[in-house]
Amino acid sequence: MEQYQHYWKDGTPVHLPLGKIVCVGRNYAEHAKELNNPVPAEPLLFIKPATAAVHVTRPLKLLANRGQVHFETELAVLIGKPLTDASPGEAQAAILGYGLALDLTLRDLQSRLKEKGHPWELAKSFDGACPLSPFVAAERFTDDHITFSLDINGQRQQSGDTRDMLFPIIPLLTHISSHFTLLPGDIVLTGTPKGVGPLSSGQTLSLQLEDQLSVSTNVV
């Protein structure tokens, strides 16, 4: 398996190792509702390992005999400084860049795990479960209002706006850092808006991050 490397939009490498990918579940109320899940009162966290990361521009390979693989498009935050019990100012200063990610999910398996009250990692952390785009420097964005989208075969499927998050980016980072340290090169996935669904062979996925980044991939 090819080892993942962070890259900037212009193709130059980000010289930081990927340690962990911290994910936030149900951070958009409409997404929680579409899967008949309760809206959480505090951030719902889980972690994908570094081995889940792949470059989103490479073809997405569906897993055989594992049930439906759902896409969940998310804004990805690249951490540039260590964060432990961080203040809002420290969290802001630690954001190195923004990109896009697909939080791929074995939905049938996740449903069975949820029914048993078990953790989700088997459905969320398989090899290739986190396709990531290149990153754009954080200073090119306004943190409280970032928009992104996913089109499938030319049709709009998901539209995200950070103003719709239940837990905005800076409070998220301070909350996460109060439980465990975030290190340079770590990624935080900030939740998916409504419109998730299964991947199918032959689909073309186009992801857009404002006017800063546009990437596409195919499902095989």
C-alpha atoms as a PDB file:
ATOM      1  CA  MET A   1       0.000   0.000   0.000  1.00  0.00           C
ATOM      2  CA  GLU A   2       1.380   3.413  -1.013  1.00  0.00           C
ATOM      3  CA  GLN A   3       2.180   5.628   1.958  1.00  0.00           C
ATOM      4  CA  TYR A   4       0.095   8.793   2.081  1.00  0.00           C
ATOM      5  CA  GLN A   5       1.788  12.230   2.042  1.00  0.00           C
ATOM      6  CA  HIS A   6       0.162  15.624   2.660  1.00  0.00           C
ATOM      7  CA  TYR A   7       0.408  18.005  -0.309  1.00  0.00           C
ATOM      8  CA  TRP A   8      -0.361  21.655  -0.933  1.00  0.00           C
ATOM      9  CA  LYS A   9      -2.615  22.668  -3.799  1.00  0.00           C
ATOM     10  CA  ASP A  10       0.404  23.530  -5.987  1.00  0.00           C
ATOM     11  CA  GLY A  11       1.765  20.002  -5.646  1.00  0.00           C
ATOM     12  CA  THR A  12       4.536  20.705  -3.148  1.00  0.00           C
ATOM     13  CA  PRO A  13       4.663  18.354  -0.160  1.00  0.00           C
ATOM     14  CA  VAL A  14       3.709  19.425   3.337  1.00  0.00           C
ATOM     15  CA  HIS A  15       6.685  18.285   5.393  1.00  0.00           C
ATOM     16  CA  LEU A  16       4.643  16.904   8.269  1.00  0.00           C
ATOM     17  CA  PRO A  17       3.787  13.255   8.957  1.00  0.00           C
ATOM     18  CA  LEU A  18       0.173  12.159   9.199  1.00  0.00           C
ATOM     19  CA  GLY A  19      -0.373  10.773  12.683  1.00  0.00           C
ATOM     20  CA  LYS A  20      -4.123  10.427  13.206  1.00  0.00           C
ATOM     21  CA  ILE A  21      -7.397  11.576  11.668  1.00  0.00           C
ATOM     22  CA  VAL A  22      -9.895  12.799  14.256  1.00  0.00           C
ATOM     23  CA  CYS A  23     -13.469  12.676  12.983  1.00  0.00           C
ATOM     24  CA  VAL A  24     -16.570  14.449  14.260  1.00  0.00           C
ATOM     25  CA  GLY A  25     -19.860  12.607  13.849  1.00  0.00           C
ATOM     26  CA  ARG A  26     -23.259  14.271  13.361  1.00  0.00           C
ATOM     27  CA  ASN A  27     -21.955  17.837  13.286  1.00  0.00           C
ATOM     28  CA  TYR A  28     -24.721  18.907  10.903  1.00  0.00           C
ATOM     29  CA  ALA A  29     -28.246  18.509  12.259  1.00  0.00           C
ATOM     30  CA  GLU A  30     -29.799  17.656   8.888  1.00  0.00           C
ATOM     31  CA  HIS A  31     -27.325  14.822   8.361  1.00  0.00           C
ATOM     32  CA  ALA A  32     -28.145  13.367  11.781  1.00  0.00           C
ATOM     33  CA  LYS A  33     -31.827  13.477  10.856  1.00  0.00           C
ATOM     34  CA  GLU A  34     -31.380  11.813   7.460  1.00  0.00           C
ATOM     35  CA  LEU A  35     -29.875   8.748   9.186  1.00  0.00           C
ATOM     36  CA  ASN A  36     -32.451   8.830  12.008  1.00  0.00           C
ATOM     37  CA  ASN A  37     -29.769   9.629  14.567  1.00  0.00           C
ATOM     38  CA  PRO A  38     -30.206  11.933  17.564  1.00  0.00           C
ATOM     39  CA  VAL A  39     -28.577  15.350  17.370  1.00  0.00           C
ATOM     40  CA  PRO A  40     -25.649  15.233  19.846  1.00  0.00           C
ATOM     41  CA  ALA A  41     -25.313  17.636  22.764  1.00  0.00           C
ATOM     42  CA  GLU A  42     -21.505  17.552  22.529  1.00  0.00           C
ATOM     43  CA  PRO A  43     -19.042  16.542  19.793  1.00  0.00           C
ATOM     44  CA  LEU A  44     -19.122  12.846  18.892  1.00  0.00           C
ATOM     45  CA  LEU A  45     -15.508  11.835  18.204  1.00  0.00           C
ATOM     46  CA  PHE A  46     -13.830   8.840  16.625  1.00  0.00           C
ATOM     47  CA  ILE A  47     -10.412   8.292  15.047  1.00  0.00           C
ATOM     48  CA  LYS A  48      -9.214   6.873  11.761  1.00  0.00           C
ATOM     49  CA  PRO A  49      -5.606   5.635  11.593  1.00  0.00           C
ATOM     50  CA  ALA A  50      -3.047   7.067   9.183  1.00  0.00           C
ATOM     51  CA  THR A  51      -3.392   3.903   7.081  1.00  0.00           C
ATOM     52  CA  ALA A  52      -6.946   4.989   6.155  1.00  0.00           C
ATOM     53  CA  ALA A  53      -5.612   8.003   4.222  1.00  0.00           C
ATOM     54  CA  VAL A  54      -5.245   7.959   0.439  1.00  0.00           C
ATOM     55  CA  HIS A  55      -5.148  10.697  -2.184  1.00  0.00           C
ATOM     56  CA  VAL A  56      -8.664  11.518  -3.348  1.00  0.00           C
ATOM     57  CA  THR A  57      -7.510  12.000  -6.939  1.00  0.00           C
ATOM     58  CA  ARG A  58      -6.685   8.293  -7.219  1.00  0.00           C
ATOM     59  CA  PRO A  59      -9.567   5.989  -8.268  1.00  0.00           C
ATOM     60  CA  LEU A  60     -11.778   4.892  -5.366  1.00  0.00           C
ATOM     61  CA  LYS A  61     -11.873   1.108  -5.188  1.00  0.00           C
ATOM     62  CA  LEU A  62     -15.025  -0.417  -3.725  1.00  0.00           C
ATOM     63  CA  LEU A  63     -14.530  -3.215  -1.219  1.00  0.00           C
ATOM     64  CA  ALA A  64     -15.889  -6.570  -2.322  1.00  0.00           C
ATOM     65  CA  ASN A  65     -18.489  -8.373  -0.196  1.00  0.00           C
ATOM     66  CA  ARG A  66     -18.509  -5.686   2.509  1.00  0.00           C
ATOM     67  CA  GLY A  67     -21.923  -4.132   1.828  1.00  0.00           C
ATOM     68  CA  GLN A  68     -22.629  -0.541   0.834  1.00  0.00           C
ATOM     69  CA  VAL A  69     -19.797   1.984   1.016  1.00  0.00           C
ATOM     70  CA  HIS A  70     -21.235   5.447   1.679  1.00  0.00           C
ATOM     71  CA  PHE A  71     -19.533   8.756   0.904  1.00  0.00           C
ATOM     72  CA  GLU A  72     -19.530  11.611   3.424  1.00  0.00           C
ATOM     73  CA  THR A  73     -17.900  14.825   2.183  1.00  0.00           C
ATOM     74  CA  GLU A  74     -16.151  16.838   4.893  1.00  0.00           C
ATOM     75  CA  LEU A  75     -13.997  19.899   5.433  1.00  0.00           C
ATOM     76  CA  ALA A  76     -10.547  18.742   6.594  1.00  0.00           C
ATOM     77  CA  VAL A  77      -8.404  20.829   8.945  1.00  0.00           C
ATOM     78  CA  LEU A  78      -4.624  20.361   8.817  1.00  0.00           C
ATOM     79  CA  ILE A  79      -2.985  20.926  12.195  1.00  0.00           C
ATOM     80  CA  GLY A  80       0.350  22.753  12.220  1.00  0.00           C
ATOM     81  CA  LYS A  81       1.151  23.131  15.949  1.00  0.00           C
ATOM     82  CA  PRO A  82       0.711  20.896  19.014  1.00  0.00           C
ATOM     83  CA  LEU A  83      -2.575  21.484  20.838  1.00  0.00           C
ATOM     84  CA  THR A  84      -3.191  20.359  24.421  1.00  0.00           C
ATOM     85  CA  ASP A  85      -5.951  22.020  26.456  1.00  0.00           C
ATOM     86  CA  ALA A  86      -5.821  24.774  23.849  1.00  0.00           C
ATOM     87  CA  SER A  87      -7.372  28.196  24.142  1.00  0.00           C
ATOM     88  CA  PRO A  88      -9.398  29.502  21.186  1.00  0.00           C
ATOM     89  CA  GLY A  89      -6.458  31.680  20.169  1.00  0.00           C
ATOM     90  CA  GLU A  90      -4.060  28.741  20.268  1.00  0.00           C
ATOM     91  CA  ALA A  91      -6.478  26.606  18.240  1.00  0.00           C
ATOM     92  CA  GLN A  92      -6.801  29.340  15.622  1.00  0.00           C
ATOM     93  CA  ALA A  93      -3.038  29.697  15.327  1.00  0.00           C
ATOM     94  CA  ALA A  94      -2.572  25.925  14.924  1.00  0.00           C
ATOM     95  CA  ILE A  95      -4.655  25.656  11.734  1.00  0.00           C
ATOM     96  CA  LEU A  96      -2.153  25.275   8.897  1.00  0.00           C
ATOM     97  CA  GLY A  97      -4.533  24.558   6.033  1.00  0.00           C
ATOM     98  CA  TYR A  98      -7.914  23.360   4.828  1.00  0.00           C
ATOM     99  CA  GLY A  99      -8.813  20.635   2.380  1.00  0.00           C
ATOM    100  CA  LEU A 100     -11.587  18.169   1.624  1.00  0.00           C
ATOM    101  CA  ALA A 101     -12.051  14.553   2.595  1.00  0.00           C
ATOM    102  CA  LEU A 102     -14.388  11.659   1.996  1.00  0.00           C
ATOM    103  CA  ASP A 103     -15.241   9.835   5.206  1.00  0.00           C
ATOM    104  CA  LEU A 104     -16.002   6.463   3.610  1.00  0.00           C
ATOM    105  CA  THR A 105     -18.275   4.276   5.697  1.00  0.00           C
ATOM    106  CA  LEU A 106     -19.337   0.632   5.513  1.00  0.00           C
ATOM    107  CA  ARG A 107     -22.912   1.604   6.296  1.00  0.00           C
ATOM    108  CA  ASP A 108     -24.405  -1.870   6.754  1.00  0.00           C
ATOM    109  CA  LEU A 109     -21.616  -2.819   9.152  1.00  0.00           C
ATOM    110  CA  GLN A 110     -21.903   0.494  10.994  1.00  0.00           C
ATOM    111  CA  SER A 111     -25.626  -0.089  11.505  1.00  0.00           C
ATOM    112  CA  ARG A 112     -24.961  -3.516  13.012  1.00  0.00           C
ATOM    113  CA  LEU A 113     -22.267  -2.081  15.298  1.00  0.00           C
ATOM    114  CA  LYS A 114     -24.571   0.720  16.453  1.00  0.00           C
ATOM    115  CA  GLU A 115     -27.349  -1.750  17.240  1.00  0.00           C
ATOM    116  CA  LYS A 116     -24.962  -3.609  19.552  1.00  0.00           C
ATOM    117  CA  GLY A 117     -23.572  -0.432  21.128  1.00  0.00           C
ATOM    118  CA  HIS A 118     -20.125  -1.184  19.720  1.00  0.00           C
ATOM    119  CA  PRO A 119     -17.518   1.323  18.436  1.00  0.00           C
ATOM    120  CA  TRP A 120     -17.618   2.231  14.737  1.00  0.00           C
ATOM    121  CA  GLU A 121     -13.972   1.768  13.811  1.00  0.00           C
ATOM    122  CA  LEU A 122     -14.483  -1.446  11.815  1.00  0.00           C
ATOM    123  CA  ALA A 123     -16.844   0.493   9.541  1.00  0.00           C
ATOM    124  CA  LYS A 124     -14.789   3.679   9.391  1.00  0.00           C
ATOM    125  CA  SER A 125     -11.094   2.824   9.614  1.00  0.00           C
ATOM    126  CA  PHE A 126     -10.359   0.334   6.844  1.00  0.00           C
ATOM    127  CA  ASP A 127      -7.479   0.938   4.410  1.00  0.00           C
ATOM    128  CA  GLY A 128      -8.518   3.700   2.002  1.00  0.00           C
ATOM    129  CA  ALA A 129     -11.402   4.906   4.200  1.00  0.00           C
ATOM    130  CA  CYS A 130     -10.228   8.522   4.129  1.00  0.00           C
ATOM    131  CA  PRO A 131      -9.502   9.966   0.673  1.00  0.00           C
ATOM    132  CA  LEU A 132      -7.940  13.423   1.192  1.00  0.00           C
ATOM    133  CA  SER A 133      -7.454  16.345  -1.169  1.00  0.00           C
ATOM    134  CA  PRO A 134      -4.425  18.628  -1.293  1.00  0.00           C
ATOM    135  CA  PHE A 135      -4.531  21.504   1.192  1.00  0.00           C
ATOM    136  CA  VAL A 136      -4.885  25.267   0.844  1.00  0.00           C
ATOM    137  CA  ALA A 137      -3.215  27.647   3.299  1.00  0.00           C
ATOM    138  CA  ALA A 138      -5.531  28.647   6.136  1.00  0.00           C
ATOM    139  CA  GLU A 139      -5.061  32.391   5.635  1.00  0.00           C
ATOM    140  CA  ARG A 140      -7.027  32.175   2.388  1.00  0.00           C
ATOM    141  CA  PHE A 141     -10.237  31.442   4.306  1.00  0.00           C
ATOM    142  CA  THR A 142     -12.581  33.008   6.829  1.00  0.00           C
ATOM    143  CA  ASP A 143     -12.886  30.303   9.485  1.00  0.00           C
ATOM    144  CA  ASP A 144     -16.507  30.983  10.448  1.00  0.00           C
ATOM    145  CA  HIS A 145     -17.767  30.774   6.871  1.00  0.00           C
ATOM    146  CA  ILE A 146     -16.279  28.142   4.571  1.00  0.00           C
ATOM    147  CA  THR A 147     -18.359  26.404   1.914  1.00  0.00           C
ATOM    148  CA  PHE A 148     -17.770  23.165   0.049  1.00  0.00           C
ATOM    149  CA  SER A 149     -19.672  20.760  -2.199  1.00  0.00           C
ATOM    150  CA  LEU A 150     -19.766  17.367  -3.876  1.00  0.00           C
ATOM    151  CA  ASP A 151     -21.148  16.663  -7.347  1.00  0.00           C
ATOM    152  CA  ILE A 152     -21.694  13.113  -8.608  1.00  0.00           C
ATOM    153  CA  ASN A 153     -21.850  12.676 -12.374  1.00  0.00           C
ATOM    154  CA  GLY A 154     -22.394  16.417 -12.704  1.00  0.00           C
ATOM    155  CA  GLN A 155     -25.289  16.640 -10.223  1.00  0.00           C
ATOM    156  CA  ARG A 156     -25.003  18.437  -6.882  1.00  0.00           C
ATOM    157  CA  GLN A 157     -25.145  15.862  -4.066  1.00  0.00           C
ATOM    158  CA  GLN A 158     -23.870  17.659  -0.954  1.00  0.00           C
ATOM    159  CA  SER A 159     -23.431  21.305   0.005  1.00  0.00           C
ATOM    160  CA  GLY A 160     -21.665  22.265   3.234  1.00  0.00           C
ATOM    161  CA  ASP A 161     -21.341  25.581   5.060  1.00  0.00           C
ATOM    162  CA  THR A 162     -19.429  25.884   8.324  1.00  0.00           C
ATOM    163  CA  ARG A 163     -22.114  28.258   9.613  1.00  0.00           C
ATOM    164  CA  ASP A 164     -24.412  25.217   9.785  1.00  0.00           C
ATOM    165  CA  MET A 165     -22.094  23.225  12.071  1.00  0.00           C
ATOM    166  CA  LEU A 166     -23.435  22.336  15.496  1.00  0.00           C
ATOM    167  CA  PHE A 167     -19.878  22.693  16.826  1.00  0.00           C
ATOM    168  CA  PRO A 168     -17.773  25.244  14.899  1.00  0.00           C
ATOM    169  CA  ILE A 169     -14.141  24.655  14.039  1.00  0.00           C
ATOM    170  CA  ILE A 170     -12.374  26.567  16.824  1.00  0.00           C
ATOM    171  CA  PRO A 171     -14.574  25.206  19.664  1.00  0.00           C
ATOM    172  CA  LEU A 172     -14.118  21.741  18.129  1.00  0.00           C
ATOM    173  CA  LEU A 173     -10.339  21.996  18.279  1.00  0.00           C
ATOM    174  CA  THR A 174     -10.355  23.237  21.861  1.00  0.00           C
ATOM    175  CA  HIS A 175     -12.737  20.423  22.848  1.00  0.00           C
ATOM    176  CA  ILE A 176     -10.643  17.745  21.145  1.00  0.00           C
ATOM    177  CA  SER A 177      -7.429  19.074  22.676  1.00  0.00           C
ATOM    178  CA  SER A 178      -8.967  18.915  26.142  1.00  0.00           C
ATOM    179  CA  HIS A 179      -9.215  15.124  25.743  1.00  0.00           C
ATOM    180  CA  PHE A 180      -6.047  14.299  23.791  1.00  0.00           C
ATOM    181  CA  THR A 181      -3.213  16.158  22.108  1.00  0.00           C
ATOM    182  CA  LEU A 182      -3.341  17.108  18.451  1.00  0.00           C
ATOM    183  CA  LEU A 183       0.070  17.069  16.757  1.00  0.00           C
ATOM    184  CA  PRO A 184       1.438  18.763  13.620  1.00  0.00           C
ATOM    185  CA  GLY A 185       0.281  16.777  10.600  1.00  0.00           C
ATOM    186  CA  ASP A 186      -2.878  15.466  12.273  1.00  0.00           C
ATOM    187  CA  ILE A 187      -6.174  15.994  10.446  1.00  0.00           C
ATOM    188  CA  VAL A 188      -9.561  16.884  11.900  1.00  0.00           C
ATOM    189  CA  LEU A 189     -12.616  16.014   9.797  1.00  0.00           C
ATOM    190  CA  THR A 190     -15.390  18.381  10.810  1.00  0.00           C
ATOM    191  CA  GLY A 191     -18.547  16.461   9.889  1.00  0.00           C
ATOM    192  CA  THR A 192     -20.683  15.967   6.798  1.00  0.00           C
ATOM    193  CA  PRO A 193     -23.814  17.788   5.631  1.00  0.00           C
ATOM    194  CA  LYS A 194     -26.930  15.967   4.441  1.00  0.00           C
ATOM    195  CA  GLY A 195     -26.955  14.084   1.161  1.00  0.00           C
ATOM    196  CA  VAL A 196     -24.759  11.072   1.940  1.00  0.00           C
ATOM    197  CA  GLY A 197     -25.282   7.888  -0.023  1.00  0.00           C
ATOM    198  CA  PRO A 198     -23.728   4.747  -1.522  1.00  0.00           C
ATOM    199  CA  LEU A 199     -20.877   4.737  -3.998  1.00  0.00           C
ATOM    200  CA  SER A 200     -21.353   2.871  -7.279  1.00  0.00           C
ATOM    201  CA  SER A 201     -18.802   1.771  -9.855  1.00  0.00           C
ATOM    202  CA  GLY A 202     -18.551   4.226 -12.736  1.00  0.00           C
ATOM    203  CA  GLN A 203     -19.419   7.349 -10.758  1.00  0.00           C
ATOM    204  CA  THR A 204     -17.364  10.532 -11.123  1.00  0.00           C
ATOM    205  CA  LEU A 205     -17.072  12.585  -7.925  1.00  0.00           C
ATOM    206  CA  SER A 206     -16.136  16.273  -8.094  1.00  0.00           C
ATOM    207  CA  LEU A 207     -15.296  18.099  -4.859  1.00  0.00           C
ATOM    208  CA  GLN A 208     -15.139  21.877  -4.576  1.00  0.00           C
ATOM    209  CA  LEU A 209     -13.769  24.007  -1.712  1.00  0.00           C
ATOM    210  CA  GLU A 210     -15.044  27.527  -2.357  1.00  0.00           C
ATOM    211  CA  ASP A 211     -13.068  28.932  -5.325  1.00  0.00           C
ATOM    212  CA  GLN A 212      -9.808  27.656  -3.835  1.00  0.00           C
ATOM    213  CA  LEU A 213      -9.728  23.977  -4.754  1.00  0.00           C
ATOM    214  CA  SER A 214     -11.410  21.575  -7.166  1.00  0.00           C
ATOM    215  CA  VAL A 215     -10.594  17.855  -7.397  1.00  0.00           C
ATOM    216  CA  SER A 216     -12.228  14.848  -9.036  1.00  0.00           C
ATOM    217  CA  THR A 217     -12.058  11.083  -8.722  1.00  0.00           C
ATOM    218  CA  ASN A 218     -13.716   7.992 -10.181  1.00  0.00           C
ATOM    219  CA  VAL A 219     -15.229   4.938  -8.523  1.00  0.00           C
ATOM    220  CA  VAL A 220     -14.017   1.571  -9.816  1.00  0.00           C
END
